[in-house]
Amino acid sequence: MNFKILLPDTFPFATEIPVRIQDINYGNHVGNDAILSILHEARMQFLNSYGFSELNCGGTGLIMTHVAIQFKKELFYGTPLKISIAPQKSSNAGFVLFYKVEFRQNDQYQIAVAAQTEMICYNYDLKKITRIPPVVIEKLNLTEIQ
């Protein structure tokens, strides 16, 4: 199987997160579980930049229902990572976040990881899926996946 994540052309959000010592595995590089944790931190920063959180995203909660990670390069302790995020609407109840994880090498950015997560709107009190609130569609400028 030849799996490939197709990243969008533009990313409206970027943050920098350094590789921490707890991200390093026995192979002396970033472990796959640590990448998921780094993506989570970047997602929280992305949501916070719009005044949202995973527990209150325009009046509803969010649940990650799917994740896909494509590893392209090794990452090592102390490396500053640039993580860019782009959202796209996937249904009336959810959206996909695309992640581009890069590091600088020879004054150029190299892609180390491409990833995507499916986020579904969820009412934790009622234990049911809800529609994406209009304020979230507007602020995140959610468009349909092509």
N, C-alpha and C. Protein backbone atom coordinates (compact mmCIF):
# COMPACT_ATOMS: atom_id res chain seq x y z
N MET A 1 0.85 -1.18 0.00
CA MET A 1 0.00 0.00 0.00
C MET A 1 0.89 1.24 0.00
N ASN A 2 0.59 2.17 -0.87
CA ASN A 2 1.34 3.41 -0.95
C ASN A 2 0.47 4.54 -0.44
N PHE A 3 0.56 4.82 0.84
CA PHE A 3 -0.27 5.83 1.49
C PHE A 3 0.38 7.20 1.38
N LYS A 4 -0.41 8.21 1.00
CA LYS A 4 0.12 9.56 0.90
C LYS A 4 -0.96 10.56 1.30
N ILE A 5 -0.59 11.47 2.17
CA ILE A 5 -1.48 12.56 2.57
C ILE A 5 -1.26 13.71 1.60
N LEU A 6 -2.33 14.18 0.99
CA LEU A 6 -2.25 15.31 0.07
C LEU A 6 -2.50 16.60 0.85
N LEU A 7 -1.44 17.35 1.06
CA LEU A 7 -1.55 18.59 1.83
C LEU A 7 -2.09 19.72 0.96
N PRO A 8 -2.87 20.62 1.58
CA PRO A 8 -3.35 21.78 0.82
C PRO A 8 -2.20 22.73 0.47
N ASP A 9 -2.46 23.66 -0.41
CA ASP A 9 -1.44 24.61 -0.85
C ASP A 9 -1.16 25.70 0.18
N THR A 10 -2.20 26.08 0.94
CA THR A 10 -2.03 27.17 1.91
C THR A 10 -2.39 26.71 3.32
N PHE A 11 -1.69 27.29 4.28
CA PHE A 11 -1.90 27.00 5.69
C PHE A 11 -2.06 28.32 6.43
N PRO A 12 -3.26 28.59 6.99
CA PRO A 12 -3.51 29.87 7.64
C PRO A 12 -2.88 30.01 9.04
N PHE A 13 -2.33 28.93 9.58
CA PHE A 13 -1.79 28.97 10.94
C PHE A 13 -0.47 28.22 10.99
N ALA A 14 0.47 28.77 11.76
CA ALA A 14 1.74 28.08 12.01
C ALA A 14 2.22 28.41 13.42
N THR A 15 2.88 27.45 14.02
CA THR A 15 3.46 27.62 15.35
C THR A 15 4.79 26.88 15.37
N GLU A 16 5.60 27.19 16.39
CA GLU A 16 6.88 26.49 16.53
C GLU A 16 6.89 25.74 17.85
N ILE A 17 7.26 24.47 17.79
CA ILE A 17 7.35 23.62 18.97
C ILE A 17 8.67 22.86 18.88
N PRO A 18 9.53 22.96 19.90
CA PRO A 18 10.78 22.21 19.84
C PRO A 18 10.58 20.75 20.23
N VAL A 19 11.42 19.89 19.70
CA VAL A 19 11.41 18.48 20.10
C VAL A 19 11.94 18.40 21.53
N ARG A 20 11.14 17.79 22.41
CA ARG A 20 11.51 17.67 23.83
C ARG A 20 12.20 16.33 24.08
N ILE A 21 12.91 16.22 25.18
CA ILE A 21 13.61 14.98 25.47
C ILE A 21 12.63 13.82 25.62
N GLN A 22 11.44 14.08 26.15
CA GLN A 22 10.47 12.99 26.30
C GLN A 22 9.89 12.53 24.96
N ASP A 23 10.18 13.26 23.88
CA ASP A 23 9.72 12.86 22.54
C ASP A 23 10.64 11.83 21.89
N ILE A 24 11.81 11.62 22.48
CA ILE A 24 12.83 10.75 21.89
C ILE A 24 12.60 9.30 22.32
N ASN A 25 12.70 8.37 21.35
CA ASN A 25 12.52 6.95 21.66
C ASN A 25 13.87 6.23 21.68
N TYR A 26 13.83 4.92 21.79
CA TYR A 26 15.07 4.13 21.87
C TYR A 26 15.88 4.17 20.58
N GLY A 27 15.30 4.60 19.48
CA GLY A 27 16.03 4.78 18.23
C GLY A 27 16.75 6.12 18.16
N ASN A 28 16.65 6.91 19.26
CA ASN A 28 17.28 8.22 19.39
C ASN A 28 16.69 9.26 18.44
N HIS A 29 15.43 9.05 18.04
CA HIS A 29 14.72 10.06 17.26
C HIS A 29 13.29 10.16 17.81
N VAL A 30 12.52 11.09 17.26
CA VAL A 30 11.14 11.29 17.74
C VAL A 30 10.31 10.04 17.45
N GLY A 31 9.60 9.57 18.49
CA GLY A 31 8.74 8.40 18.34
C GLY A 31 7.41 8.76 17.73
N ASN A 32 6.75 7.76 17.15
CA ASN A 32 5.46 8.03 16.49
C ASN A 32 4.41 8.49 17.50
N ASP A 33 4.45 7.99 18.73
CA ASP A 33 3.51 8.45 19.75
C ASP A 33 3.75 9.90 20.12
N ALA A 34 5.03 10.32 20.09
CA ALA A 34 5.36 11.71 20.42
C ALA A 34 4.87 12.66 19.33
N ILE A 35 4.92 12.23 18.08
CA ILE A 35 4.40 13.08 16.99
C ILE A 35 2.93 13.38 17.22
N LEU A 36 2.16 12.37 17.63
CA LEU A 36 0.74 12.59 17.90
C LEU A 36 0.56 13.62 19.02
N SER A 37 1.39 13.56 20.04
CA SER A 37 1.34 14.53 21.14
C SER A 37 1.71 15.94 20.66
N ILE A 38 2.70 16.04 19.81
CA ILE A 38 3.11 17.34 19.26
C ILE A 38 1.99 17.92 18.39
N LEU A 39 1.34 17.07 17.60
CA LEU A 39 0.21 17.53 16.78
C LEU A 39 -0.92 18.02 17.67
N HIS A 40 -1.15 17.34 18.80
CA HIS A 40 -2.19 17.76 19.74
C HIS A 40 -1.89 19.15 20.28
N GLU A 41 -0.65 19.38 20.68
CA GLU A 41 -0.27 20.72 21.18
C GLU A 41 -0.48 21.78 20.10
N ALA A 42 -0.07 21.48 18.88
CA ALA A 42 -0.25 22.44 17.78
C ALA A 42 -1.74 22.70 17.54
N ARG A 43 -2.56 21.65 17.61
CA ARG A 43 -4.01 21.81 17.42
C ARG A 43 -4.60 22.70 18.50
N MET A 44 -4.15 22.52 19.75
CA MET A 44 -4.65 23.37 20.84
C MET A 44 -4.27 24.83 20.60
N GLN A 45 -3.05 25.08 20.15
CA GLN A 45 -2.63 26.44 19.85
C GLN A 45 -3.44 27.02 18.68
N PHE A 46 -3.70 26.20 17.67
CA PHE A 46 -4.52 26.62 16.54
C PHE A 46 -5.92 27.01 17.01
N LEU A 47 -6.58 26.14 17.75
CA LEU A 47 -7.93 26.44 18.25
C LEU A 47 -7.93 27.67 19.14
N ASN A 48 -6.96 27.77 20.05
CA ASN A 48 -6.87 28.93 20.96
C ASN A 48 -6.70 30.24 20.20
N SER A 49 -6.02 30.20 19.05
CA SER A 49 -5.81 31.43 18.27
C SER A 49 -7.13 31.98 17.74
N TYR A 50 -8.18 31.15 17.70
CA TYR A 50 -9.51 31.56 17.27
C TYR A 50 -10.47 31.72 18.46
N GLY A 51 -9.95 31.56 19.68
CA GLY A 51 -10.78 31.66 20.88
C GLY A 51 -11.54 30.38 21.19
N PHE A 52 -11.11 29.26 20.62
CA PHE A 52 -11.77 27.97 20.82
C PHE A 52 -10.89 27.04 21.64
N SER A 53 -11.49 25.93 22.07
CA SER A 53 -10.75 24.82 22.68
C SER A 53 -11.44 23.53 22.23
N GLU A 54 -10.88 22.40 22.61
CA GLU A 54 -11.52 21.14 22.24
C GLU A 54 -12.80 20.89 23.03
N LEU A 55 -12.93 21.53 24.18
CA LEU A 55 -14.15 21.37 24.98
C LEU A 55 -15.19 22.44 24.68
N ASN A 56 -14.77 23.54 24.06
CA ASN A 56 -15.71 24.60 23.70
C ASN A 56 -15.28 25.22 22.37
N CYS A 57 -15.75 24.62 21.32
CA CYS A 57 -15.46 25.10 19.97
C CYS A 57 -16.74 25.71 19.42
N GLY A 58 -16.93 26.96 19.73
CA GLY A 58 -18.15 27.64 19.30
C GLY A 58 -19.40 27.12 19.98
N GLY A 59 -19.24 26.58 21.19
CA GLY A 59 -20.39 26.09 21.96
C GLY A 59 -20.55 24.57 21.93
N THR A 60 -19.67 23.88 21.24
CA THR A 60 -19.71 22.41 21.22
C THR A 60 -18.31 21.87 21.49
N GLY A 61 -18.22 20.62 21.81
CA GLY A 61 -16.93 19.98 22.01
C GLY A 61 -16.43 19.37 20.71
N LEU A 62 -15.19 18.89 20.75
CA LEU A 62 -14.61 18.21 19.60
C LEU A 62 -14.06 16.86 20.03
N ILE A 63 -14.18 15.89 19.14
CA ILE A 63 -13.58 14.58 19.33
C ILE A 63 -12.79 14.25 18.06
N MET A 64 -11.57 13.76 18.25
CA MET A 64 -10.79 13.30 17.11
C MET A 64 -11.22 11.87 16.79
N THR A 65 -11.75 11.67 15.59
CA THR A 65 -12.25 10.33 15.22
C THR A 65 -11.30 9.58 14.29
N HIS A 66 -10.33 10.28 13.74
CA HIS A 66 -9.41 9.64 12.80
C HIS A 66 -8.11 10.43 12.79
N VAL A 67 -7.01 9.71 12.67
CA VAL A 67 -5.70 10.35 12.49
C VAL A 67 -4.90 9.55 11.48
N ALA A 68 -4.18 10.26 10.63
CA ALA A 68 -3.25 9.63 9.69
C ALA A 68 -1.95 10.43 9.75
N ILE A 69 -0.84 9.72 9.84
CA ILE A 69 0.47 10.36 9.94
C ILE A 69 1.39 9.71 8.92
N GLN A 70 2.04 10.55 8.13
CA GLN A 70 3.01 10.07 7.15
C GLN A 70 4.37 10.63 7.53
N PHE A 71 5.30 9.74 7.86
CA PHE A 71 6.65 10.13 8.26
C PHE A 71 7.55 10.22 7.04
N LYS A 72 8.30 11.32 6.95
CA LYS A 72 9.17 11.54 5.80
C LYS A 72 10.64 11.66 6.18
N LYS A 73 10.92 12.21 7.37
CA LYS A 73 12.30 12.41 7.83
C LYS A 73 12.36 12.16 9.33
N GLU A 74 13.53 11.77 9.81
CA GLU A 74 13.76 11.63 11.24
C GLU A 74 13.86 13.01 11.88
N LEU A 75 13.45 13.08 13.13
CA LEU A 75 13.57 14.30 13.92
C LEU A 75 14.31 13.97 15.21
N PHE A 76 15.10 14.94 15.68
CA PHE A 76 15.96 14.68 16.82
C PHE A 76 15.76 15.73 17.92
N TYR A 77 16.25 15.39 19.12
CA TYR A 77 16.11 16.25 20.29
C TYR A 77 16.59 17.68 20.00
N GLY A 78 15.78 18.64 20.45
CA GLY A 78 16.13 20.05 20.35
C GLY A 78 15.77 20.71 19.03
N THR A 79 15.37 19.94 18.04
CA THR A 79 15.04 20.51 16.73
C THR A 79 13.78 21.36 16.84
N PRO A 80 13.86 22.64 16.45
CA PRO A 80 12.64 23.46 16.41
C PRO A 80 11.78 23.01 15.22
N LEU A 81 10.53 22.72 15.49
CA LEU A 81 9.60 22.29 14.46
C LEU A 81 8.62 23.41 14.13
N LYS A 82 8.42 23.65 12.86
CA LYS A 82 7.37 24.56 12.41
C LYS A 82 6.19 23.68 12.02
N ILE A 83 5.06 23.88 12.72
CA ILE A 83 3.88 23.09 12.44
C ILE A 83 2.80 24.01 11.89
N SER A 84 2.42 23.75 10.66
CA SER A 84 1.39 24.54 9.98
C SER A 84 0.11 23.73 9.94
N ILE A 85 -1.03 24.42 10.09
CA ILE A 85 -2.33 23.74 10.12
C ILE A 85 -3.29 24.43 9.16
N ALA A 86 -4.04 23.59 8.43
CA ALA A 86 -5.08 24.09 7.52
C ALA A 86 -6.35 23.26 7.74
N PRO A 87 -7.49 23.93 7.99
CA PRO A 87 -8.75 23.20 8.16
C PRO A 87 -9.53 23.12 6.86
N GLN A 88 -10.30 22.03 6.70
CA GLN A 88 -11.25 21.90 5.59
C GLN A 88 -12.47 21.16 6.10
N LYS A 89 -13.63 21.64 5.71
CA LYS A 89 -14.89 21.01 6.12
C LYS A 89 -15.00 19.63 5.47
N SER A 90 -15.43 18.63 6.26
CA SER A 90 -15.59 17.28 5.71
C SER A 90 -17.03 16.80 5.75
N SER A 91 -17.84 17.40 6.62
CA SER A 91 -19.25 17.03 6.73
C SER A 91 -19.97 18.14 7.49
N ASN A 92 -21.27 17.98 7.71
CA ASN A 92 -22.01 18.97 8.51
C ASN A 92 -21.61 18.93 9.98
N ALA A 93 -20.97 17.84 10.39
CA ALA A 93 -20.61 17.68 11.80
C ALA A 93 -19.11 17.73 12.05
N GLY A 94 -18.29 17.80 10.99
CA GLY A 94 -16.86 17.72 11.25
C GLY A 94 -15.99 18.37 10.19
N PHE A 95 -14.72 18.44 10.54
CA PHE A 95 -13.72 19.01 9.64
C PHE A 95 -12.40 18.28 9.82
N VAL A 96 -11.59 18.38 8.79
CA VAL A 96 -10.26 17.78 8.78
C VAL A 96 -9.25 18.89 9.05
N LEU A 97 -8.27 18.58 9.87
CA LEU A 97 -7.12 19.47 10.04
C LEU A 97 -5.92 18.80 9.39
N PHE A 98 -5.28 19.51 8.49
CA PHE A 98 -4.06 19.04 7.85
C PHE A 98 -2.87 19.68 8.56
N TYR A 99 -1.83 18.89 8.79
CA TYR A 99 -0.64 19.36 9.50
C TYR A 99 0.58 19.15 8.61
N LYS A 100 1.40 20.18 8.54
CA LYS A 100 2.70 20.07 7.86
C LYS A 100 3.77 20.37 8.91
N VAL A 101 4.57 19.36 9.25
CA VAL A 101 5.62 19.52 10.26
C VAL A 101 6.95 19.63 9.52
N GLU A 102 7.62 20.77 9.73
CA GLU A 102 8.85 21.05 9.01
C GLU A 102 9.98 21.39 9.98
N PHE A 103 11.22 21.25 9.49
CA PHE A 103 12.40 21.70 10.22
C PHE A 103 13.32 22.38 9.21
N ARG A 104 14.19 23.24 9.73
CA ARG A 104 15.11 23.97 8.85
C ARG A 104 16.39 23.17 8.67
N GLN A 105 16.82 23.08 7.43
CA GLN A 105 18.08 22.43 7.10
C GLN A 105 18.69 23.21 5.95
N ASN A 106 19.90 23.70 6.15
CA ASN A 106 20.58 24.50 5.12
C ASN A 106 19.72 25.68 4.66
N ASP A 107 19.15 26.39 5.62
CA ASP A 107 18.32 27.58 5.37
C ASP A 107 17.07 27.32 4.54
N GLN A 108 16.62 26.07 4.50
CA GLN A 108 15.37 25.74 3.83
C GLN A 108 14.55 24.83 4.73
N TYR A 109 13.23 24.96 4.61
CA TYR A 109 12.36 24.07 5.36
C TYR A 109 12.22 22.74 4.64
N GLN A 110 12.31 21.66 5.41
CA GLN A 110 12.12 20.31 4.92
C GLN A 110 10.90 19.72 5.62
N ILE A 111 10.03 19.05 4.87
CA ILE A 111 8.87 18.41 5.49
C ILE A 111 9.31 17.11 6.14
N ALA A 112 9.02 16.99 7.44
CA ALA A 112 9.35 15.78 8.19
C ALA A 112 8.12 14.88 8.36
N VAL A 113 6.95 15.52 8.50
CA VAL A 113 5.72 14.77 8.76
C VAL A 113 4.56 15.48 8.07
N ALA A 114 3.70 14.71 7.44
CA ALA A 114 2.41 15.20 6.96
C ALA A 114 1.36 14.41 7.74
N ALA A 115 0.32 15.10 8.18
CA ALA A 115 -0.70 14.42 8.98
C ALA A 115 -2.05 15.05 8.76
N GLN A 116 -3.07 14.32 9.18
CA GLN A 116 -4.43 14.86 9.18
C GLN A 116 -5.22 14.22 10.30
N THR A 117 -6.10 15.02 10.88
CA THR A 117 -7.02 14.53 11.90
C THR A 117 -8.43 14.92 11.52
N GLU A 118 -9.37 14.02 11.76
CA GLU A 118 -10.80 14.31 11.56
C GLU A 118 -11.36 14.71 12.91
N MET A 119 -11.91 15.90 12.99
CA MET A 119 -12.50 16.41 14.22
C MET A 119 -14.02 16.47 14.04
N ILE A 120 -14.74 15.84 14.96
CA ILE A 120 -16.19 15.82 14.91
C ILE A 120 -16.74 16.65 16.07
N CYS A 121 -17.75 17.45 15.80
CA CYS A 121 -18.40 18.23 16.85
C CYS A 121 -19.26 17.31 17.70
N TYR A 122 -19.15 17.47 19.01
CA TYR A 122 -19.79 16.52 19.93
C TYR A 122 -20.29 17.23 21.17
N ASN A 123 -21.52 16.96 21.53
CA ASN A 123 -22.10 17.48 22.76
C ASN A 123 -21.83 16.46 23.86
N TYR A 124 -20.91 16.77 24.74
CA TYR A 124 -20.52 15.83 25.80
C TYR A 124 -21.64 15.60 26.81
N ASP A 125 -22.48 16.60 27.05
CA ASP A 125 -23.60 16.43 28.00
C ASP A 125 -24.64 15.47 27.45
N LEU A 126 -24.98 15.61 26.17
CA LEU A 126 -26.00 14.76 25.55
C LEU A 126 -25.41 13.48 24.94
N LYS A 127 -24.07 13.41 24.87
CA LYS A 127 -23.38 12.25 24.30
C LYS A 127 -23.82 11.99 22.86
N LYS A 128 -23.81 13.10 22.06
CA LYS A 128 -24.19 12.93 20.66
C LYS A 128 -23.45 13.91 19.76
N ILE A 129 -23.33 13.51 18.51
CA ILE A 129 -22.69 14.35 17.49
C ILE A 129 -23.60 15.53 17.17
N THR A 130 -23.00 16.70 16.96
CA THR A 130 -23.75 17.91 16.62
C THR A 130 -23.21 18.52 15.33
N ARG A 131 -23.93 19.47 14.81
CA ARG A 131 -23.49 20.20 13.62
C ARG A 131 -22.36 21.16 13.99
N ILE A 132 -21.55 21.50 13.00
CA ILE A 132 -20.52 22.51 13.21
C ILE A 132 -21.22 23.85 13.44
N PRO A 133 -20.92 24.53 14.55
CA PRO A 133 -21.55 25.83 14.78
C PRO A 133 -21.16 26.84 13.69
N PRO A 134 -22.11 27.70 13.29
CA PRO A 134 -21.82 28.70 12.25
C PRO A 134 -20.60 29.56 12.56
N VAL A 135 -20.37 29.91 13.84
CA VAL A 135 -19.22 30.73 14.20
C VAL A 135 -17.91 30.00 13.89
N VAL A 136 -17.90 28.68 14.02
CA VAL A 136 -16.70 27.90 13.71
C VAL A 136 -16.47 27.88 12.20
N ILE A 137 -17.54 27.67 11.43
CA ILE A 137 -17.43 27.69 9.96
C ILE A 137 -16.88 29.03 9.50
N GLU A 138 -17.39 30.11 10.10
CA GLU A 138 -16.97 31.46 9.72
C GLU A 138 -15.52 31.73 10.12
N LYS A 139 -15.19 31.53 11.39
CA LYS A 139 -13.85 31.87 11.87
C LYS A 139 -12.76 31.01 11.23
N LEU A 140 -13.03 29.72 11.06
CA LEU A 140 -12.02 28.83 10.46
C LEU A 140 -12.06 28.87 8.94
N ASN A 141 -13.04 29.60 8.39
CA ASN A 141 -13.20 29.71 6.95
C ASN A 141 -13.25 28.31 6.32
N LEU A 142 -14.12 27.48 6.89
CA LEU A 142 -14.21 26.09 6.47
C LEU A 142 -14.82 25.97 5.09
N THR A 143 -14.11 25.31 4.22
CA THR A 143 -14.59 25.04 2.87
C THR A 143 -14.61 23.54 2.68
N GLU A 144 -15.35 23.09 1.70
CA GLU A 144 -15.46 21.66 1.42
C GLU A 144 -14.14 21.12 0.90
N ILE A 145 -13.85 19.87 1.21
CA ILE A 145 -12.68 19.18 0.66
C ILE A 145 -12.92 18.95 -0.83
N GLN A 146 -11.95 19.26 -1.61
CA GLN A 146 -12.06 19.09 -3.08
C GLN A 146 -11.85 17.66 -3.49
